PDB file of all heavy atoms in Angstrom:
ATOM      1  N   ASP A   1     -41.475 -20.698   8.906  1.00  0.00           N
ATOM      2  CA  ASP A   1     -42.172 -21.565   9.860  1.00  0.00           C
ATOM      3  C   ASP A   1     -41.406 -22.876  10.025  1.00  0.00           C
ATOM      4  O   ASP A   1     -41.991 -23.951  10.033  1.00  0.00           O
ATOM      5  CB  ASP A   1     -43.600 -21.828   9.351  1.00  0.00           C
ATOM      6  CG  ASP A   1     -44.421 -22.661  10.316  1.00  0.00           C
ATOM      7  OD1 ASP A   1     -44.216 -22.521  11.539  1.00  0.00           O
ATOM      8  OD2 ASP A   1     -45.258 -23.471   9.847  1.00  0.00           O
ATOM      9  N   ALA A   2     -40.100 -22.779  10.143  1.00  0.00           N
ATOM     10  CA  ALA A   2     -39.277 -23.986  10.236  1.00  0.00           C
ATOM     11  C   ALA A   2     -39.563 -24.746  11.525  1.00  0.00           C
ATOM     12  O   ALA A   2     -39.689 -24.146  12.589  1.00  0.00           O
ATOM     13  CB  ALA A   2     -37.802 -23.608  10.187  1.00  0.00           C
ATOM     14  N   PRO A   3     -39.677 -26.081  11.452  1.00  0.00           N
ATOM     15  CA  PRO A   3     -39.789 -26.860  12.691  1.00  0.00           C
ATOM     16  C   PRO A   3     -38.502 -26.723  13.495  1.00  0.00           C
ATOM     17  O   PRO A   3     -37.427 -26.512  12.923  1.00  0.00           O
ATOM     18  CB  PRO A   3     -40.008 -28.295  12.193  1.00  0.00           C
ATOM     19  CG  PRO A   3     -39.539 -28.306  10.784  1.00  0.00           C
ATOM     20  CD  PRO A   3     -39.679 -26.929  10.249  1.00  0.00           C
ATOM     21  N   ASP A   4     -38.595 -26.840  14.804  1.00  0.00           N
ATOM     22  CA  ASP A   4     -37.395 -26.725  15.644  1.00  0.00           C
ATOM     23  C   ASP A   4     -36.371 -27.788  15.283  1.00  0.00           C
ATOM     24  O   ASP A   4     -35.165 -27.523  15.219  1.00  0.00           O
ATOM     25  CB  ASP A   4     -37.767 -26.866  17.121  1.00  0.00           C
ATOM     26  CG  ASP A   4     -38.701 -25.765  17.584  1.00  0.00           C
ATOM     27  OD1 ASP A   4     -38.259 -24.609  17.644  1.00  0.00           O
ATOM     28  OD2 ASP A   4     -39.874 -26.078  17.864  1.00  0.00           O
ATOM     29  N   THR A   5     -36.857 -28.996  15.079  1.00  0.00           N
ATOM     30  CA  THR A   5     -35.987 -30.114  14.728  1.00  0.00           C
ATOM     31  C   THR A   5     -36.630 -30.888  13.592  1.00  0.00           C
ATOM     32  O   THR A   5     -37.860 -30.957  13.499  1.00  0.00           O
ATOM     33  CB  THR A   5     -35.768 -31.060  15.927  1.00  0.00           C
ATOM     34  OG1 THR A   5     -37.053 -31.567  16.362  1.00  0.00           O
ATOM     35  CG2 THR A   5     -35.101 -30.330  17.084  1.00  0.00           C
ATOM     36  N   PHE A   6     -35.802 -31.480  12.751  1.00  0.00           N
ATOM     37  CA  PHE A   6     -36.363 -32.237  11.625  1.00  0.00           C
ATOM     38  C   PHE A   6     -35.364 -33.279  11.144  1.00  0.00           C
ATOM     39  O   PHE A   6     -34.167 -33.199  11.412  1.00  0.00           O
ATOM     40  CB  PHE A   6     -36.808 -31.328  10.483  1.00  0.00           C
ATOM     41  CG  PHE A   6     -35.827 -30.249  10.097  1.00  0.00           C
ATOM     42  CD1 PHE A   6     -34.892 -30.454   9.096  1.00  0.00           C
ATOM     43  CD2 PHE A   6     -35.856 -29.015  10.732  1.00  0.00           C
ATOM     44  CE1 PHE A   6     -34.004 -29.449   8.736  1.00  0.00           C
ATOM     45  CE2 PHE A   6     -34.975 -28.002  10.379  1.00  0.00           C
ATOM     46  CZ  PHE A   6     -34.036 -28.228   9.370  1.00  0.00           C
ATOM     47  N   GLU A   7     -35.904 -34.242  10.433  1.00  0.00           N
ATOM     48  CA  GLU A   7     -35.125 -35.383   9.962  1.00  0.00           C
ATOM     49  C   GLU A   7     -34.596 -35.107   8.554  1.00  0.00           C
ATOM     50  O   GLU A   7     -35.282 -34.513   7.727  1.00  0.00           O
ATOM     51  CB  GLU A   7     -36.035 -36.625   9.950  1.00  0.00           C
ATOM     52  CG  GLU A   7     -35.329 -37.935   9.753  1.00  0.00           C
ATOM     53  CD  GLU A   7     -36.293 -39.103   9.892  1.00  0.00           C
ATOM     54  OE1 GLU A   7     -37.491 -38.955   9.603  1.00  0.00           O
ATOM     55  OE2 GLU A   7     -35.825 -40.181  10.296  1.00  0.00           O
ATOM     56  N   LEU A   8     -33.366 -35.549   8.290  1.00  0.00           N
ATOM     57  CA  LEU A   8     -32.762 -35.403   6.969  1.00  0.00           C
ATOM     58  C   LEU A   8     -31.997 -36.677   6.631  1.00  0.00           C
ATOM     59  O   LEU A   8     -31.248 -37.182   7.456  1.00  0.00           O
ATOM     60  CB  LEU A   8     -31.784 -34.226   6.944  1.00  0.00           C
ATOM     61  CG  LEU A   8     -32.356 -32.809   7.112  1.00  0.00           C
ATOM     62  CD1 LEU A   8     -31.222 -31.805   7.276  1.00  0.00           C
ATOM     63  CD2 LEU A   8     -33.214 -32.438   5.911  1.00  0.00           C
ATOM     64  N   ASN A   9     -32.210 -37.195   5.424  1.00  0.00           N
ATOM     65  CA  ASN A   9     -31.302 -38.236   4.981  1.00  0.00           C
ATOM     66  C   ASN A   9     -29.987 -37.570   4.592  1.00  0.00           C
ATOM     67  O   ASN A   9     -29.912 -36.356   4.424  1.00  0.00           O
ATOM     68  CB  ASN A   9     -31.892 -39.046   3.825  1.00  0.00           C
ATOM     69  CG  ASN A   9     -32.186 -38.200   2.602  1.00  0.00           C
ATOM     70  OD1 ASN A   9     -32.262 -36.979   2.667  1.00  0.00           O
ATOM     71  ND2 ASN A   9     -32.353 -38.836   1.467  1.00  0.00           N
ATOM     72  N   TYR A  10     -28.932 -38.364   4.465  1.00  0.00           N
ATOM     73  CA  TYR A  10     -27.592 -37.776   4.295  1.00  0.00           C
ATOM     74  C   TYR A  10     -27.516 -36.867   3.074  1.00  0.00           C
ATOM     75  O   TYR A  10     -26.969 -35.754   3.148  1.00  0.00           O
ATOM     76  CB  TYR A  10     -26.526 -38.871   4.185  1.00  0.00           C
ATOM     77  CG  TYR A  10     -25.172 -38.274   3.870  1.00  0.00           C
ATOM     78  CD1 TYR A  10     -24.427 -37.656   4.872  1.00  0.00           C
ATOM     79  CD2 TYR A  10     -24.677 -38.265   2.569  1.00  0.00           C
ATOM     80  CE1 TYR A  10     -23.198 -37.064   4.592  1.00  0.00           C
ATOM     81  CE2 TYR A  10     -23.455 -37.673   2.276  1.00  0.00           C
ATOM     82  CZ  TYR A  10     -22.730 -37.074   3.281  1.00  0.00           C
ATOM     83  OH  TYR A  10     -21.534 -36.477   2.994  1.00  0.00           O
ATOM     84  N   GLU A  11     -28.060 -37.314   1.939  1.00  0.00           N
ATOM     85  CA  GLU A  11     -27.951 -36.529   0.712  1.00  0.00           C
ATOM     86  C   GLU A  11     -28.559 -35.139   0.882  1.00  0.00           C
ATOM     87  O   GLU A  11     -27.983 -34.134   0.448  1.00  0.00           O
ATOM     88  CB  GLU A  11     -28.638 -37.271  -0.447  1.00  0.00           C
ATOM     89  CG  GLU A  11     -27.983 -38.578  -0.833  1.00  0.00           C
ATOM     90  CD  GLU A  11     -28.461 -39.761  -0.006  1.00  0.00           C
ATOM     91  OE1 GLU A  11     -29.011 -39.550   1.094  1.00  0.00           O
ATOM     92  OE2 GLU A  11     -28.292 -40.893  -0.458  1.00  0.00           O
ATOM     93  N   ASN A  12     -29.701 -35.064   1.523  1.00  0.00           N
ATOM     94  CA  ASN A  12     -30.345 -33.767   1.729  1.00  0.00           C
ATOM     95  C   ASN A  12     -29.710 -32.990   2.875  1.00  0.00           C
ATOM     96  O   ASN A  12     -29.751 -31.751   2.878  1.00  0.00           O
ATOM     97  CB  ASN A  12     -31.847 -33.959   1.974  1.00  0.00           C
ATOM     98  CG  ASN A  12     -32.598 -34.234   0.689  1.00  0.00           C
ATOM     99  OD1 ASN A  12     -32.760 -33.362  -0.149  1.00  0.00           O
ATOM    100  ND2 ASN A  12     -33.043 -35.469   0.513  1.00  0.00           N
ATOM    101  N   PHE A  13     -29.131 -33.687   3.838  1.00  0.00           N
ATOM    102  CA  PHE A  13     -28.432 -33.003   4.917  1.00  0.00           C
ATOM    103  C   PHE A  13     -27.353 -32.073   4.371  1.00  0.00           C
ATOM    104  O   PHE A  13     -27.247 -30.910   4.772  1.00  0.00           O
ATOM    105  CB  PHE A  13     -27.796 -34.022   5.864  1.00  0.00           C
ATOM    106  CG  PHE A  13     -26.692 -33.435   6.709  1.00  0.00           C
ATOM    107  CD1 PHE A  13     -26.990 -32.609   7.784  1.00  0.00           C
ATOM    108  CD2 PHE A  13     -25.357 -33.680   6.403  1.00  0.00           C
ATOM    109  CE1 PHE A  13     -25.976 -32.037   8.546  1.00  0.00           C
ATOM    110  CE2 PHE A  13     -24.345 -33.117   7.164  1.00  0.00           C
ATOM    111  CZ  PHE A  13     -24.647 -32.290   8.234  1.00  0.00           C
ATOM    112  N   VAL A  14     -26.557 -32.567   3.455  1.00  0.00           N
ATOM    113  CA  VAL A  14     -25.480 -31.755   2.876  1.00  0.00           C
ATOM    114  C   VAL A  14     -26.049 -30.510   2.209  1.00  0.00           C
ATOM    115  O   VAL A  14     -25.516 -29.407   2.348  1.00  0.00           O
ATOM    116  CB  VAL A  14     -24.659 -32.587   1.871  1.00  0.00           C
ATOM    117  CG1 VAL A  14     -23.644 -31.712   1.145  1.00  0.00           C
ATOM    118  CG2 VAL A  14     -23.943 -33.722   2.593  1.00  0.00           C
ATOM    119  N   ASN A  15     -27.140 -30.684   1.508  1.00  0.00           N
ATOM    120  CA  ASN A  15     -27.761 -29.558   0.811  1.00  0.00           C
ATOM    121  C   ASN A  15     -28.236 -28.483   1.791  1.00  0.00           C
ATOM    122  O   ASN A  15     -27.962 -27.292   1.609  1.00  0.00           O
ATOM    123  CB  ASN A  15     -28.934 -30.075  -0.028  1.00  0.00           C
ATOM    124  CG  ASN A  15     -29.464 -29.039  -0.996  1.00  0.00           C
ATOM    125  OD1 ASN A  15     -28.733 -28.138  -1.412  1.00  0.00           O
ATOM    126  ND2 ASN A  15     -30.721 -29.172  -1.365  1.00  0.00           N
ATOM    127  N   TYR A  16     -28.913 -28.889   2.850  1.00  0.00           N
ATOM    128  CA  TYR A  16     -29.438 -27.923   3.823  1.00  0.00           C
ATOM    129  C   TYR A  16     -28.310 -27.292   4.641  1.00  0.00           C
ATOM    130  O   TYR A  16     -28.371 -26.101   4.963  1.00  0.00           O
ATOM    131  CB  TYR A  16     -30.453 -28.602   4.749  1.00  0.00           C
ATOM    132  CG  TYR A  16     -31.820 -28.749   4.111  1.00  0.00           C
ATOM    133  CD1 TYR A  16     -32.109 -29.809   3.262  1.00  0.00           C
ATOM    134  CD2 TYR A  16     -32.819 -27.819   4.344  1.00  0.00           C
ATOM    135  CE1 TYR A  16     -33.352 -29.933   2.668  1.00  0.00           C
ATOM    136  CE2 TYR A  16     -34.071 -27.929   3.756  1.00  0.00           C
ATOM    137  CZ  TYR A  16     -34.322 -28.996   2.913  1.00  0.00           C
ATOM    138  OH  TYR A  16     -35.557 -29.119   2.309  1.00  0.00           O
ATOM    139  N   ALA A  17     -27.298 -28.074   4.975  1.00  0.00           N
ATOM    140  CA  ALA A  17     -26.173 -27.527   5.736  1.00  0.00           C
ATOM    141  C   ALA A  17     -25.426 -26.482   4.906  1.00  0.00           C
ATOM    142  O   ALA A  17     -25.029 -25.425   5.413  1.00  0.00           O
ATOM    143  CB  ALA A  17     -25.232 -28.646   6.158  1.00  0.00           C
ATOM    144  N   SER A  18     -25.252 -26.765   3.611  1.00  0.00           N
ATOM    145  CA  SER A  18     -24.500 -25.845   2.754  1.00  0.00           C
ATOM    146  C   SER A  18     -25.236 -24.533   2.538  1.00  0.00           C
ATOM    147  O   SER A  18     -24.621 -23.506   2.239  1.00  0.00           O
ATOM    148  CB  SER A  18     -24.216 -26.498   1.396  1.00  0.00           C
ATOM    149  OG  SER A  18     -25.422 -26.712   0.671  1.00  0.00           O
ATOM    150  N   LYS A  19     -26.549 -24.542   2.720  1.00  0.00           N
ATOM    151  CA  LYS A  19     -27.351 -23.331   2.509  1.00  0.00           C
ATOM    152  C   LYS A  19     -27.616 -22.572   3.807  1.00  0.00           C
ATOM    153  O   LYS A  19     -28.381 -21.605   3.826  1.00  0.00           O
ATOM    154  CB  LYS A  19     -28.669 -23.705   1.833  1.00  0.00           C
ATOM    155  CG  LYS A  19     -28.474 -24.185   0.396  1.00  0.00           C
ATOM    156  CD  LYS A  19     -29.790 -24.551  -0.265  1.00  0.00           C
ATOM    157  CE  LYS A  19     -29.559 -24.972  -1.716  1.00  0.00           C
ATOM    158  NZ  LYS A  19     -30.808 -25.415  -2.370  1.00  0.00           N
ATOM    159  N   GLY A  20     -26.988 -23.012   4.895  1.00  0.00           N
ATOM    160  CA  GLY A  20     -27.091 -22.276   6.147  1.00  0.00           C
ATOM    161  C   GLY A  20     -28.408 -22.401   6.861  1.00  0.00           C
ATOM    162  O   GLY A  20     -28.777 -21.525   7.651  1.00  0.00           O
ATOM    163  N   ALA A  21     -29.143 -23.492   6.621  1.00  0.00           N
ATOM    164  CA  ALA A  21     -30.455 -23.660   7.256  1.00  0.00           C
ATOM    165  C   ALA A  21     -30.377 -24.343   8.616  1.00  0.00           C
ATOM    166  O   ALA A  21     -31.355 -24.344   9.357  1.00  0.00           O
ATOM    167  CB  ALA A  21     -31.369 -24.473   6.340  1.00  0.00           C
ATOM    168  N   LEU A  22     -29.201 -24.897   8.957  1.00  0.00           N
ATOM    169  CA  LEU A  22     -29.090 -25.709  10.158  1.00  0.00           C
ATOM    170  C   LEU A  22     -28.240 -25.037  11.227  1.00  0.00           C
ATOM    171  O   LEU A  22     -27.335 -24.259  10.930  1.00  0.00           O
ATOM    172  CB  LEU A  22     -28.473 -27.072   9.811  1.00  0.00           C
ATOM    173  CG  LEU A  22     -29.081 -27.820   8.623  1.00  0.00           C
ATOM    174  CD1 LEU A  22     -28.392 -29.152   8.441  1.00  0.00           C
ATOM    175  CD2 LEU A  22     -30.583 -28.006   8.797  1.00  0.00           C
ATOM    176  N   MET A  23     -28.531 -25.376  12.468  1.00  0.00           N
ATOM    177  CA  MET A  23     -27.773 -24.821  13.591  1.00  0.00           C
ATOM    178  C   MET A  23     -26.472 -25.589  13.788  1.00  0.00           C
ATOM    179  O   MET A  23     -26.454 -26.820  13.752  1.00  0.00           O
ATOM    180  CB  MET A  23     -28.615 -24.874  14.867  1.00  0.00           C
ATOM    181  CG  MET A  23     -27.872 -24.387  16.109  1.00  0.00           C
ATOM    182  SD  MET A  23     -28.953 -24.278  17.556  1.00  0.00           S
ATOM    183  CE  MET A  23     -29.914 -22.800  17.147  1.00  0.00           C
ATOM    184  N   ASP A  24     -25.393 -24.862  14.010  1.00  0.00           N
ATOM    185  CA  ASP A  24     -24.115 -25.455  14.382  1.00  0.00           C
ATOM    186  C   ASP A  24     -24.237 -25.979  15.819  1.00  0.00           C
ATOM    187  O   ASP A  24     -24.519 -25.217  16.741  1.00  0.00           O
ATOM    188  CB  ASP A  24     -23.025 -24.392  14.269  1.00  0.00           C
ATOM    189  CG  ASP A  24     -21.655 -24.895  14.706  1.00  0.00           C
ATOM    190  OD1 ASP A  24     -21.551 -26.065  15.104  1.00  0.00           O
ATOM    191  OD2 ASP A  24     -20.706 -24.099  14.660  1.00  0.00           O
ATOM    192  N   LEU A  25     -24.030 -27.283  15.988  1.00  0.00           N
ATOM    193  CA  LEU A  25     -24.231 -27.916  17.293  1.00  0.00           C
ATOM    194  C   LEU A  25     -22.969 -27.982  18.144  1.00  0.00           C
ATOM    195  O   LEU A  25     -23.016 -28.461  19.279  1.00  0.00           O
ATOM    196  CB  LEU A  25     -24.780 -29.338  17.095  1.00  0.00           C
ATOM    197  CG  LEU A  25     -26.097 -29.466  16.317  1.00  0.00           C
ATOM    198  CD1 LEU A  25     -26.441 -30.935  16.119  1.00  0.00           C
ATOM    199  CD2 LEU A  25     -27.219 -28.741  17.029  1.00  0.00           C
ATOM    200  N   ASP A  26     -21.852 -27.531  17.629  1.00  0.00           N
ATOM    201  CA  ASP A  26     -20.573 -27.724  18.318  1.00  0.00           C
ATOM    202  C   ASP A  26     -20.572 -27.163  19.738  1.00  0.00           C
ATOM    203  O   ASP A  26     -20.110 -27.828  20.673  1.00  0.00           O
ATOM    204  CB  ASP A  26     -19.436 -27.096  17.509  1.00  0.00           C
ATOM    205  CG  ASP A  26     -19.037 -27.960  16.329  1.00  0.00           C
ATOM    206  OD1 ASP A  26     -19.363 -29.161  16.348  1.00  0.00           O
ATOM    207  OD2 ASP A  26     -18.413 -27.446  15.382  1.00  0.00           O
ATOM    208  N   LYS A  27     -21.057 -25.957  19.921  1.00  0.00           N
ATOM    209  CA  LYS A  27     -21.030 -25.336  21.249  1.00  0.00           C
ATOM    210  C   LYS A  27     -21.903 -26.119  22.222  1.00  0.00           C
ATOM    211  O   LYS A  27     -21.508 -26.358  23.382  1.00  0.00           O
ATOM    212  CB  LYS A  27     -21.501 -23.889  21.171  1.00  0.00           C
ATOM    213  CG  LYS A  27     -21.408 -23.162  22.511  1.00  0.00           C
ATOM    214  CD  LYS A  27     -21.870 -21.715  22.400  1.00  0.00           C
ATOM    215  CE  LYS A  27     -21.798 -21.015  23.762  1.00  0.00           C
ATOM    216  NZ  LYS A  27     -22.316 -19.631  23.700  1.00  0.00           N
ATOM    217  N   LEU A  28     -23.076 -26.537  21.779  1.00  0.00           N
ATOM    218  CA  LEU A  28     -23.976 -27.308  22.632  1.00  0.00           C
ATOM    219  C   LEU A  28     -23.350 -28.641  23.017  1.00  0.00           C
ATOM    220  O   LEU A  28     -23.486 -29.107  24.153  1.00  0.00           O
ATOM    221  CB  LEU A  28     -25.307 -27.535  21.909  1.00  0.00           C
ATOM    222  CG  LEU A  28     -26.162 -26.282  21.715  1.00  0.00           C
ATOM    223  CD1 LEU A  28     -27.212 -26.509  20.636  1.00  0.00           C
ATOM    224  CD2 LEU A  28     -26.833 -25.891  23.027  1.00  0.00           C
ATOM    225  N   ILE A  29     -22.647 -29.257  22.077  1.00  0.00           N
ATOM    226  CA  ILE A  29     -21.972 -30.526  22.342  1.00  0.00           C
ATOM    227  C   ILE A  29     -20.860 -30.328  23.369  1.00  0.00           C
ATOM    228  O   ILE A  29     -20.715 -31.107  24.325  1.00  0.00           O
ATOM    229  CB  ILE A  29     -21.413 -31.122  21.035  1.00  0.00           C
ATOM    230  CG1 ILE A  29     -22.569 -31.590  20.128  1.00  0.00           C
ATOM    231  CG2 ILE A  29     -20.455 -32.271  21.317  1.00  0.00           C
ATOM    232  CD1 ILE A  29     -22.144 -32.037  18.751  1.00  0.00           C
ATOM    233  N   GLN A  30     -20.074 -29.276  23.188  1.00  0.00           N
ATOM    234  CA  GLN A  30     -18.946 -29.017  24.083  1.00  0.00           C
ATOM    235  C   GLN A  30     -19.409 -28.719  25.510  1.00  0.00           C
ATOM    236  O   GLN A  30     -18.732 -29.071  26.481  1.00  0.00           O
ATOM    237  CB  GLN A  30     -18.121 -27.848  23.552  1.00  0.00           C
ATOM    238  CG  GLN A  30     -17.383 -28.166  22.259  1.00  0.00           C
ATOM    239  CD  GLN A  30     -16.892 -26.924  21.541  1.00  0.00           C
ATOM    240  OE1 GLN A  30     -16.971 -25.817  22.069  1.00  0.00           O
ATOM    241  NE2 GLN A  30     -16.386 -27.107  20.332  1.00  0.00           N
ATOM    242  N   GLU A  31     -20.565 -28.089  25.639  1.00  0.00           N
ATOM    243  CA  GLU A  31     -21.061 -27.699  26.954  1.00  0.00           C
ATOM    244  C   GLU A  31     -21.848 -28.805  27.649  1.00  0.00           C
ATOM    245  O   GLU A  31     -22.240 -28.656  28.805  1.00  0.00           O
ATOM    246  CB  GLU A  31     -21.943 -26.447  26.822  1.00  0.00           C
ATOM    247  CG  GLU A  31     -21.174 -25.199  26.395  1.00  0.00           C
ATOM    248  CD  GLU A  31     -22.077 -24.009  26.170  1.00  0.00           C
ATOM    249  OE1 GLU A  31     -23.327 -24.210  26.130  1.00  0.00           O
ATOM    250  OE2 GLU A  31     -21.567 -22.887  26.019  1.00  0.00           O
ATOM    251  N   ASP A  32     -22.080 -29.915  26.947  1.00  0.00           N
ATOM    252  CA  ASP A  32     -22.889 -30.999  27.495  1.00  0.00           C
ATOM    253  C   ASP A  32     -21.976 -32.069  28.102  1.00  0.00           C
ATOM    254  O   ASP A  32     -21.388 -32.892  27.396  1.00  0.00           O
ATOM    255  CB  ASP A  32     -23.752 -31.613  26.388  1.00  0.00           C
ATOM    256  CG  ASP A  32     -24.768 -32.596  26.932  1.00  0.00           C
ATOM    257  OD1 ASP A  32     -24.613 -33.049  28.081  1.00  0.00           O
ATOM    258  OD2 ASP A  32     -25.726 -32.922  26.202  1.00  0.00           O
ATOM    259  N   SER A  33     -21.883 -32.074  29.409  1.00  0.00           N
ATOM    260  CA  SER A  33     -21.013 -33.028  30.090  1.00  0.00           C
ATOM    261  C   SER A  33     -21.570 -34.446  30.071  1.00  0.00           C
ATOM    262  O   SER A  33     -20.857 -35.407  30.384  1.00  0.00           O
ATOM    263  CB  SER A  33     -20.787 -32.592  31.544  1.00  0.00           C
ATOM    264  OG  SER A  33     -22.033 -32.508  32.235  1.00  0.00           O
ATOM    265  N   ASP A  34     -22.850 -34.584  29.688  1.00  0.00           N
ATOM    266  CA  ASP A  34     -23.472 -35.907  29.649  1.00  0.00           C
ATOM    267  C   ASP A  34     -23.326 -36.592  28.299  1.00  0.00           C
ATOM    268  O   ASP A  34     -23.791 -37.722  28.120  1.00  0.00           O
ATOM    269  CB  ASP A  34     -24.966 -35.796  29.982  1.00  0.00           C
ATOM    270  CG  ASP A  34     -25.202 -35.364  31.412  1.00  0.00           C
ATOM    271  OD1 ASP A  34     -24.369 -35.722  32.269  1.00  0.00           O
ATOM    272  OD2 ASP A  34     -26.197 -34.655  31.663  1.00  0.00           O
ATOM    273  N   PHE A  35     -22.705 -35.890  27.347  1.00  0.00           N
ATOM    274  CA  PHE A  35     -22.575 -36.480  26.012  1.00  0.00           C
ATOM    275  C   PHE A  35     -21.123 -36.553  25.581  1.00  0.00           C
ATOM    276  O   PHE A  35     -20.344 -35.639  25.801  1.00  0.00           O
ATOM    277  CB  PHE A  35     -23.349 -35.661  24.969  1.00  0.00           C
ATOM    278  CG  PHE A  35     -23.120 -36.145  23.554  1.00  0.00           C
ATOM    279  CD1 PHE A  35     -23.737 -37.302  23.105  1.00  0.00           C
ATOM    280  CD2 PHE A  35     -22.264 -35.465  22.694  1.00  0.00           C
ATOM    281  CE1 PHE A  35     -23.514 -37.770  21.809  1.00  0.00           C
ATOM    282  CE2 PHE A  35     -22.046 -35.916  21.404  1.00  0.00           C
ATOM    283  CZ  PHE A  35     -22.671 -37.075  20.964  1.00  0.00           C
ATOM    284  N   SER A  36     -20.786 -37.678  24.962  1.00  0.00           N
ATOM    285  CA  SER A  36     -19.488 -37.841  24.321  1.00  0.00           C
ATOM    286  C   SER A  36     -19.723 -38.472  22.952  1.00  0.00           C
ATOM    287  O   SER A  36     -20.548 -39.392  22.817  1.00  0.00           O
ATOM    288  CB  SER A  36     -18.570 -38.745  25.145  1.00  0.00           C
ATOM    289  OG  SER A  36     -17.432 -39.112  24.390  1.00  0.00           O
ATOM    290  N   SER A  37     -19.020 -37.993  21.953  1.00  0.00           N
ATOM    291  CA  SER A  37     -19.185 -38.567  20.615  1.00  0.00           C
ATOM    292  C   SER A  37     -18.772 -40.033  20.584  1.00  0.00           C
ATOM    293  O   SER A  37     -19.126 -40.767  19.657  1.00  0.00           O
ATOM    294  CB  SER A  37     -18.370 -37.778  19.593  1.00  0.00           C
ATOM    295  OG  SER A  37     -16.987 -37.873  19.860  1.00  0.00           O
ATOM    296  N   ASP A  38     -18.041 -40.483  21.610  1.00  0.00           N
ATOM    297  CA  ASP A  38     -17.659 -41.890  21.702  1.00  0.00           C
ATOM    298  C   ASP A  38     -18.872 -42.801  21.864  1.00  0.00           C
ATOM    299  O   ASP A  38     -18.761 -44.020  21.677  1.00  0.00           O
ATOM    300  CB  ASP A  38     -16.708 -42.127  22.883  1.00  0.00           C
ATOM    301  CG  ASP A  38     -15.352 -41.481  22.666  1.00  0.00           C
ATOM    302  OD1 ASP A  38     -15.026 -41.168  21.499  1.00  0.00           O
ATOM    303  OD2 ASP A  38     -14.626 -41.266  23.655  1.00  0.00           O
ATOM    304  N   GLN A  39     -20.014 -42.218  22.212  1.00  0.00           N
ATOM    305  CA  GLN A  39     -21.232 -43.013  22.332  1.00  0.00           C
ATOM    306  C   GLN A  39     -21.719 -43.485  20.963  1.00  0.00           C
ATOM    307  O   GLN A  39     -22.573 -44.362  20.882  1.00  0.00           O
ATOM    308  CB  GLN A  39     -22.338 -42.181  23.003  1.00  0.00           C
ATOM    309  CG  GLN A  39     -22.035 -41.823  24.450  1.00  0.00           C
ATOM    310  CD  GLN A  39     -23.010 -40.793  24.998  1.00  0.00           C
ATOM    311  OE1 GLN A  39     -22.629 -39.687  25.341  1.00  0.00           O
ATOM    312  NE2 GLN A  39     -24.283 -41.155  25.077  1.00  0.00           N
ATOM    313  N   LEU A  40     -21.177 -42.892  19.901  1.00  0.00           N
ATOM    314  CA  LEU A  40     -21.586 -43.221  18.539  1.00  0.00           C
ATOM    315  C   LEU A  40     -20.394 -43.729  17.741  1.00  0.00           C
ATOM    316  O   LEU A  40     -19.240 -43.414  18.052  1.00  0.00           O
ATOM    317  CB  LEU A  40     -22.169 -41.985  17.849  1.00  0.00           C
ATOM    318  CG  LEU A  40     -23.429 -41.412  18.479  1.00  0.00           C
ATOM    319  CD1 LEU A  40     -23.682 -39.992  17.980  1.00  0.00           C
ATOM    320  CD2 LEU A  40     -24.633 -42.300  18.159  1.00  0.00           C
TER     321      LEU A  40
END
């Protein structure tokens, strides 16, 4: 029953990412012409 989106502090982010619980955002980022990582 995972929420679609959720907040993670950095320490826990690494843990969840390493266990495969998170979606890889690269494709969505590449296909989004309205977003550039330069905004951050």
